[in-house]
Amino acid sequence: MPAAFDSLSALSIESLPLLSQLLMLALTIVTFTLVYFLVQPWWNRRRQSQRFKETTIPDAVIVSGRPLIQASEVAVFNLLHLVSRDCFLVFAKIPLRTLVQVSADDEDARREMVKAIRTLTADFVLVHPGTMLPSKIIMVGSKDHEGAPSNSQHTLMKVLCQEAEIDIIQLETHKNYSAREFTELLGLKEDE
C-alpha cells in the first residue's frame, strides 16, 4: 500500500484542477447521455401523436356513415321510445363504463375492473331526465346472439348493474312486443 500512497503524493497541486475538469467533463457527458435515453421514449411518443394532424383525408381512405343500431333492433328502439318517452330518455349502444363509476382504494384493482368492463355495451339505456342517472338497461337478443357478451361478461354486467342499482331487462330478438307488453316489462304505468 505505501506504493499507492506514493503515486497519489506524486500528483502535483497544479494537476488537480485539470483532473477536476476532466472529472466534471466525464460526469457531464454521463448526465447528458442518461437524460437523452430517459427523454427519448417520451419525445418519440409525443412526435408520433403529432404526426397525423392533417385536416384532409387521404385518397386511399374511404369514410362513410354506418347505422347506430341493427335493422332488427330498430322496431324495438322505436317501441321503447314510444312507451317510455314521458318518463325516460332513451339511448342506444352505450358503453357500460360510461354508465357506472368505478372507484377503489387500490388503484390496480380499479384499473383491472375498468379494463374488464371496457368491451361491455348496453343495447339500450333508459336514463332519468332529472337526475341523468341510468335507470334500466335493455339487452336485445340471446346470449348466443352475435355481439352479445359471453356468460362471464354477462354475469359481470349483472353484478355491476345490481351494485349500481340499474335494472337489466333481457328481450328476445325475434319476438314482436306490443306496447302493453313493453310497458309491463319496463315496470311503467300505462296511461288510463
Protein backbone atom coordinates (compact mmCIF):
# COMPACT_ATOMS: atom_id res chain seq x y z
CA MET A 1 0.00 0.00 0.00
CA PRO A 2 2.74 2.50 0.51
CA ALA A 3 3.34 2.44 -3.26
CA ALA A 4 -0.26 3.54 -3.92
CA PHE A 5 0.12 6.38 -1.46
CA ASP A 6 3.37 7.36 -3.10
CA SER A 7 1.68 7.62 -6.54
CA LEU A 8 -1.03 9.85 -5.06
CA SER A 9 1.52 12.05 -3.37
CA ALA A 10 3.38 12.27 -6.69
CA LEU A 11 0.49 14.31 -8.12
CA SER A 12 1.31 17.94 -8.02
CA ILE A 13 -1.10 20.58 -6.86
CA GLU A 14 -1.20 22.13 -10.35
CA SER A 15 -2.58 18.89 -11.87
CA LEU A 16 -5.63 18.72 -9.60
CA PRO A 17 -7.66 21.43 -11.42
CA LEU A 18 -7.11 19.62 -14.72
CA LEU A 19 -8.14 16.34 -13.12
CA SER A 20 -11.21 18.05 -11.67
CA GLN A 21 -12.03 19.44 -15.08
CA LEU A 22 -11.77 16.01 -16.68
CA LEU A 23 -13.92 14.53 -13.94
CA MET A 24 -16.56 17.23 -14.45
CA LEU A 25 -16.47 16.69 -18.22
CA ALA A 26 -16.95 12.94 -17.76
CA LEU A 27 -19.85 13.50 -15.32
CA THR A 28 -21.46 15.96 -17.72
CA ILE A 29 -21.24 13.51 -20.62
CA VAL A 30 -22.71 10.71 -18.48
CA THR A 31 -25.52 13.02 -17.29
CA PHE A 32 -26.44 14.13 -20.81
CA THR A 33 -26.36 10.53 -22.01
CA LEU A 34 -28.72 9.45 -19.22
CA VAL A 35 -31.08 12.36 -19.84
CA TYR A 36 -31.10 11.60 -23.56
CA PHE A 37 -32.06 7.95 -23.03
CA LEU A 38 -34.70 8.87 -20.45
CA VAL A 39 -36.32 11.63 -22.53
CA GLN A 40 -36.10 9.90 -25.92
CA PRO A 41 -39.08 7.50 -25.42
CA TRP A 42 -41.30 10.36 -24.24
CA TRP A 43 -40.19 12.57 -27.14
CA ASN A 44 -40.80 9.81 -29.70
CA ARG A 45 -44.33 9.17 -28.37
CA ARG A 46 -45.07 12.88 -28.48
CA ARG A 47 -43.85 13.17 -32.08
CA GLN A 48 -45.84 10.12 -33.16
CA SER A 49 -49.04 11.52 -31.66
CA GLN A 50 -48.49 14.75 -33.57
CA ARG A 51 -47.78 13.08 -36.91
CA PHE A 52 -51.36 12.78 -38.16
CA LYS A 53 -52.59 16.30 -37.71
CA GLU A 54 -53.84 16.60 -41.25
CA THR A 55 -57.26 18.09 -41.82
CA THR A 56 -57.81 16.20 -45.05
CA ILE A 57 -58.49 12.53 -45.60
CA PRO A 58 -56.03 10.70 -47.85
CA ASP A 59 -57.40 9.41 -51.16
CA ALA A 60 -56.81 5.78 -50.14
CA VAL A 61 -59.13 6.12 -47.11
CA ILE A 62 -62.88 5.74 -47.55
CA VAL A 63 -65.18 7.02 -44.81
CA SER A 64 -68.93 6.54 -44.69
CA GLY A 65 -71.68 6.63 -42.12
CA ARG A 66 -72.95 3.44 -40.55
CA PRO A 67 -76.17 2.67 -38.68
CA LEU A 68 -76.05 3.07 -34.93
CA ILE A 69 -78.28 0.06 -34.38
CA GLN A 70 -79.02 -3.04 -36.45
CA ALA A 71 -82.12 -3.18 -38.60
CA SER A 72 -83.54 -5.93 -36.36
CA GLU A 73 -83.35 -3.59 -33.34
CA VAL A 74 -84.96 -0.52 -34.93
CA ALA A 75 -88.52 -1.67 -34.15
CA VAL A 76 -87.54 -2.35 -30.53
CA PHE A 77 -85.94 1.09 -30.25
CA ASN A 78 -88.99 2.85 -31.72
CA LEU A 79 -91.38 0.98 -29.43
CA LEU A 80 -89.11 1.60 -26.44
CA HIS A 81 -89.04 5.30 -27.24
CA LEU A 82 -92.82 5.42 -27.72
CA VAL A 83 -93.57 3.67 -24.42
CA SER A 84 -91.02 5.45 -22.23
CA ARG A 85 -90.77 8.94 -23.73
CA ASP A 86 -92.75 10.55 -20.88
CA CYS A 87 -90.54 9.01 -18.18
CA PHE A 88 -87.07 8.38 -19.60
CA LEU A 89 -84.53 9.45 -22.17
CA VAL A 90 -83.62 6.56 -24.47
CA PHE A 91 -80.04 5.97 -25.62
CA ALA A 92 -78.66 3.21 -27.84
CA LYS A 93 -75.33 1.37 -27.80
CA ILE A 94 -73.82 2.95 -24.69
CA PRO A 95 -70.58 1.53 -23.23
CA LEU A 96 -71.11 0.23 -19.69
CA ARG A 97 -68.04 2.13 -18.48
CA THR A 98 -69.91 5.40 -19.10
CA LEU A 99 -72.89 4.25 -17.04
CA VAL A 100 -71.10 3.25 -13.84
CA GLN A 101 -68.42 4.92 -11.79
CA VAL A 102 -65.71 2.57 -10.57
CA SER A 103 -63.67 3.68 -7.60
CA ALA A 104 -61.42 1.79 -5.20
CA ASP A 105 -58.71 2.44 -2.66
CA ASP A 106 -56.42 0.10 -4.60
CA GLU A 107 -55.67 1.77 -7.95
CA ASP A 108 -54.59 -1.55 -9.52
CA ALA A 109 -57.91 -3.20 -8.60
CA ARG A 110 -59.82 -0.25 -10.06
CA ARG A 111 -57.76 -0.36 -13.25
CA GLU A 112 -58.41 -4.11 -13.64
CA MET A 113 -62.17 -3.60 -13.19
CA VAL A 114 -62.26 -0.80 -15.77
CA LYS A 115 -60.25 -2.99 -18.13
CA ALA A 116 -62.74 -5.85 -17.65
CA ILE A 117 -65.78 -3.70 -18.50
CA ARG A 118 -64.33 -1.71 -21.39
CA THR A 119 -65.86 -4.01 -24.03
CA LEU A 120 -69.33 -4.26 -22.48
CA THR A 121 -72.06 -2.27 -24.24
CA ALA A 122 -75.69 -1.83 -23.30
CA ASP A 123 -78.06 -2.14 -26.26
CA PHE A 124 -80.47 0.47 -24.90
CA VAL A 125 -80.39 2.60 -21.76
CA LEU A 126 -83.25 4.40 -20.08
CA VAL A 127 -81.99 7.50 -18.27
CA HIS A 128 -83.99 9.54 -15.79
CA PRO A 129 -84.28 13.05 -17.29
CA GLY A 130 -83.97 14.83 -13.93
CA THR A 131 -81.04 13.04 -12.32
CA MET A 132 -79.46 11.91 -15.62
CA LEU A 133 -78.70 8.59 -13.93
CA PRO A 134 -79.24 5.34 -15.84
CA SER A 135 -82.30 3.53 -14.57
CA LYS A 136 -82.68 0.49 -16.82
CA ILE A 137 -80.55 -1.35 -19.36
CA ILE A 138 -82.32 -3.26 -22.11
CA MET A 139 -80.36 -6.04 -23.78
CA VAL A 140 -81.77 -7.45 -27.02
CA GLY A 141 -81.05 -10.99 -28.14
CA SER A 142 -79.98 -14.23 -26.60
CA LYS A 143 -76.54 -14.92 -25.25
CA ASP A 144 -75.81 -16.80 -28.48
CA HIS A 145 -76.55 -13.63 -30.49
CA GLU A 146 -73.58 -12.16 -32.35
CA GLY A 147 -72.08 -9.30 -30.37
CA ALA A 148 -73.73 -10.44 -27.16
CA PRO A 149 -71.48 -10.61 -24.11
CA SER A 150 -70.16 -14.02 -23.05
CA ASN A 151 -71.54 -15.70 -19.93
CA SER A 152 -68.77 -14.30 -17.71
CA GLN A 153 -69.19 -10.82 -19.18
CA HIS A 154 -72.97 -11.06 -18.84
CA THR A 155 -72.57 -12.10 -15.19
CA LEU A 156 -70.15 -9.23 -14.57
CA MET A 157 -72.59 -6.82 -16.21
CA LYS A 158 -75.43 -8.09 -13.99
CA VAL A 159 -73.32 -7.76 -10.84
CA LEU A 160 -72.14 -4.26 -11.73
CA CYS A 161 -75.63 -3.07 -12.60
CA GLN A 162 -77.06 -4.59 -9.45
CA GLU A 163 -74.40 -2.78 -7.41
CA ALA A 164 -75.15 0.48 -9.26
CA GLU A 165 -78.91 -0.07 -8.83
CA ILE A 166 -79.58 -0.32 -12.57
CA ASP A 167 -82.18 -2.86 -13.71
CA ILE A 168 -81.30 -5.14 -16.64
CA ILE A 169 -84.12 -6.30 -18.89
CA GLN A 170 -83.42 -9.05 -21.42
CA LEU A 171 -85.53 -9.08 -24.60
CA GLU A 172 -85.79 -11.79 -27.23
CA THR A 173 -84.59 -10.82 -30.69
CA HIS A 174 -87.32 -12.23 -32.88
CA LYS A 175 -90.33 -11.65 -30.64
CA ASN A 176 -92.79 -8.90 -31.54
CA TYR A 177 -93.70 -6.97 -28.42
CA SER A 178 -96.85 -4.91 -28.03
CA ALA A 179 -96.83 -1.54 -26.32
CA ARG A 180 -98.67 -3.10 -23.34
CA GLU A 181 -96.04 -5.88 -23.01
CA PHE A 182 -93.26 -3.33 -23.18
CA THR A 183 -94.93 -1.19 -20.54
CA GLU A 184 -95.19 -4.21 -18.23
CA LEU A 185 -91.59 -5.30 -18.89
CA LEU A 186 -90.29 -1.82 -18.09
CA GLY A 187 -92.47 -1.55 -14.98
CA LEU A 188 -94.15 1.61 -16.26
CA LYS A 189 -97.72 2.58 -15.53
CA GLU A 190 -99.90 2.68 -18.60
CA ASP A 191 -101.84 5.91 -19.14
CA GLU A 192 -105.54 5.44 -18.49
